[in-house]
Protein backbone atom coordinates (compact mmCIF):
# COMPACT_ATOMS: atom_id res chain seq x y z
CA UNK A 1 -126.36 238.99 231.79
CA UNK A 2 -123.34 236.68 231.62
CA UNK A 3 -123.57 233.40 229.81
CA UNK A 4 -121.42 230.46 230.86
CA UNK A 5 -120.21 228.82 227.66
CA UNK A 6 -119.04 225.78 229.60
CA UNK A 7 -121.43 222.83 229.66
CA UNK A 8 -122.74 221.78 233.09
CA UNK A 9 -120.85 218.48 232.93
CA UNK A 10 -117.60 220.23 231.99
CA UNK A 11 -118.04 222.63 234.91
CA UNK A 12 -118.61 219.67 237.24
CA UNK A 13 -115.55 217.82 235.93
CA UNK A 14 -113.46 220.96 236.44
CA UNK A 15 -114.44 221.05 240.13
CA UNK A 16 -113.90 217.30 240.65
CA UNK A 17 -110.41 217.60 239.18
CA UNK A 18 -109.58 220.14 241.92
CA UNK A 19 -110.19 217.65 244.76
CA UNK A 20 -106.73 216.81 246.11
CA UNK A 21 -105.61 213.20 246.53
CA UNK A 22 -106.49 211.93 249.99
CA UNK A 23 -109.61 214.10 250.23
CA UNK A 24 -113.27 213.66 249.30
CA UNK A 25 -116.12 215.99 248.41
CA UNK A 26 -119.89 215.59 248.35
CA UNK A 27 -122.13 215.66 245.32
CA UNK A 28 -123.96 218.72 246.68
CA UNK A 29 -120.79 220.68 247.42
CA UNK A 30 -119.46 219.98 243.93
CA UNK A 31 -122.76 221.14 242.43
CA UNK A 32 -122.56 224.40 244.39
CA UNK A 33 -118.91 224.99 243.46
CA UNK A 34 -119.73 224.34 239.79
CA UNK A 35 -122.51 226.94 239.88
CA UNK A 36 -125.47 224.59 240.23
CA UNK A 37 -126.52 224.74 243.90
CA UNK A 38 -129.14 222.20 244.84
CA UNK A 39 -128.33 220.03 241.83
CA UNK A 40 -126.42 217.15 243.48
CA UNK A 41 -128.07 214.62 241.19
CA UNK A 42 -126.61 216.42 238.18
CA UNK A 43 -123.16 215.65 239.58
CA UNK A 44 -124.09 211.98 239.82
CA UNK A 45 -125.33 211.99 236.24
CA UNK A 46 -122.15 213.71 235.04
CA UNK A 47 -119.89 211.21 236.80
CA UNK A 48 -121.97 208.29 235.53
CA UNK A 49 -121.53 209.64 231.99
CA UNK A 50 -117.72 209.38 232.17
CA UNK A 51 -116.39 206.83 229.72
CA UNK A 52 -113.16 204.85 229.80
CA UNK A 53 -109.89 206.39 230.83
CA UNK A 54 -110.13 210.00 231.86
CA UNK A 55 -108.47 212.41 234.25
CA UNK A 56 -111.53 213.02 236.42
CA UNK A 57 -111.01 211.50 239.91
CA UNK A 58 -114.62 210.34 240.28
CA UNK A 59 -113.75 208.12 243.25
CA UNK A 60 -113.27 211.20 245.45
CA UNK A 61 -116.99 212.02 245.28
CA UNK A 62 -119.28 210.68 248.01
CA UNK A 63 -122.73 211.42 249.38
CA UNK A 64 -123.62 214.02 252.01
CA UNK A 65 -123.35 211.64 254.96
CA UNK A 66 -119.90 210.49 253.91
CA UNK A 67 -120.84 207.21 252.28
CA UNK A 68 -119.81 205.75 248.96
CA UNK A 69 -123.04 205.55 247.00
CA UNK A 70 -121.68 204.30 243.69
CA UNK A 71 -123.50 200.98 243.26
CA UNK A 72 -121.60 200.21 240.05
CA UNK A 73 -118.05 200.46 241.39
CA UNK A 74 -118.18 200.74 245.19
CA UNK A 75 -115.31 198.32 245.77
CA UNK A 76 -113.13 200.03 243.15
CA UNK A 77 -113.96 203.42 244.69
CA UNK A 78 -113.04 202.10 248.14
CA UNK A 79 -109.74 200.69 246.85
CA UNK A 80 -108.81 203.95 245.12
CA UNK A 81 -109.61 206.02 248.22
CA UNK A 82 -107.70 203.70 250.52
CA UNK A 83 -104.72 203.82 248.12
CA UNK A 84 -104.75 207.60 248.66
CA UNK A 85 -104.80 207.17 252.44
CA UNK A 86 -108.53 207.65 253.01
CA UNK A 87 -109.82 204.89 255.30
CA UNK A 88 -113.25 203.52 254.40
CA UNK A 89 -115.32 201.61 256.96
CA UNK A 90 -116.97 198.24 256.33
CA UNK A 91 -120.22 200.04 255.55
CA UNK A 92 -118.46 202.37 253.06
CA UNK A 93 -118.30 205.45 255.29
CA UNK A 94 -115.57 208.10 255.21
CA UNK A 95 -114.89 210.49 258.09
CA UNK A 96 -116.00 213.84 256.66
CA UNK A 97 -114.58 215.74 259.63
CA UNK A 98 -111.14 214.54 258.62
CA UNK A 99 -111.21 214.12 254.83
CA UNK A 100 -113.81 216.56 253.43
CA UNK A 101 -112.51 219.05 250.89
CA UNK A 102 -114.71 222.14 250.70
CA UNK A 103 -113.05 223.88 247.79
CA UNK A 104 -110.14 225.71 249.37
CA UNK A 105 -107.52 226.24 246.67
CA UNK A 106 -104.75 226.50 249.26
CA UNK A 107 -105.26 222.80 250.12
CA UNK A 108 -104.28 221.55 246.67
């Protein structure tokens, strides 16, 4: 039996850091890539726990339908995504067919 010495939040942050600029990923996909399939809420908790300046690009994480769901910083998230070339609609939707990152390392 192998034991992952990395904390769940650290594993999640590691995956989020892999999302290239100009791309987005869903909470559920990040959970699966971090080894916690079905635990999308854990990703939300981990991102909410981030404090101050850090190198985790939290703004690249959106919900499964392609919408910004961050009620605390939706406008900041929109601005950061648009600065990276990701258009965001008036109702905070992102085109997943065009901008979804699914974890392919060759896209970084």
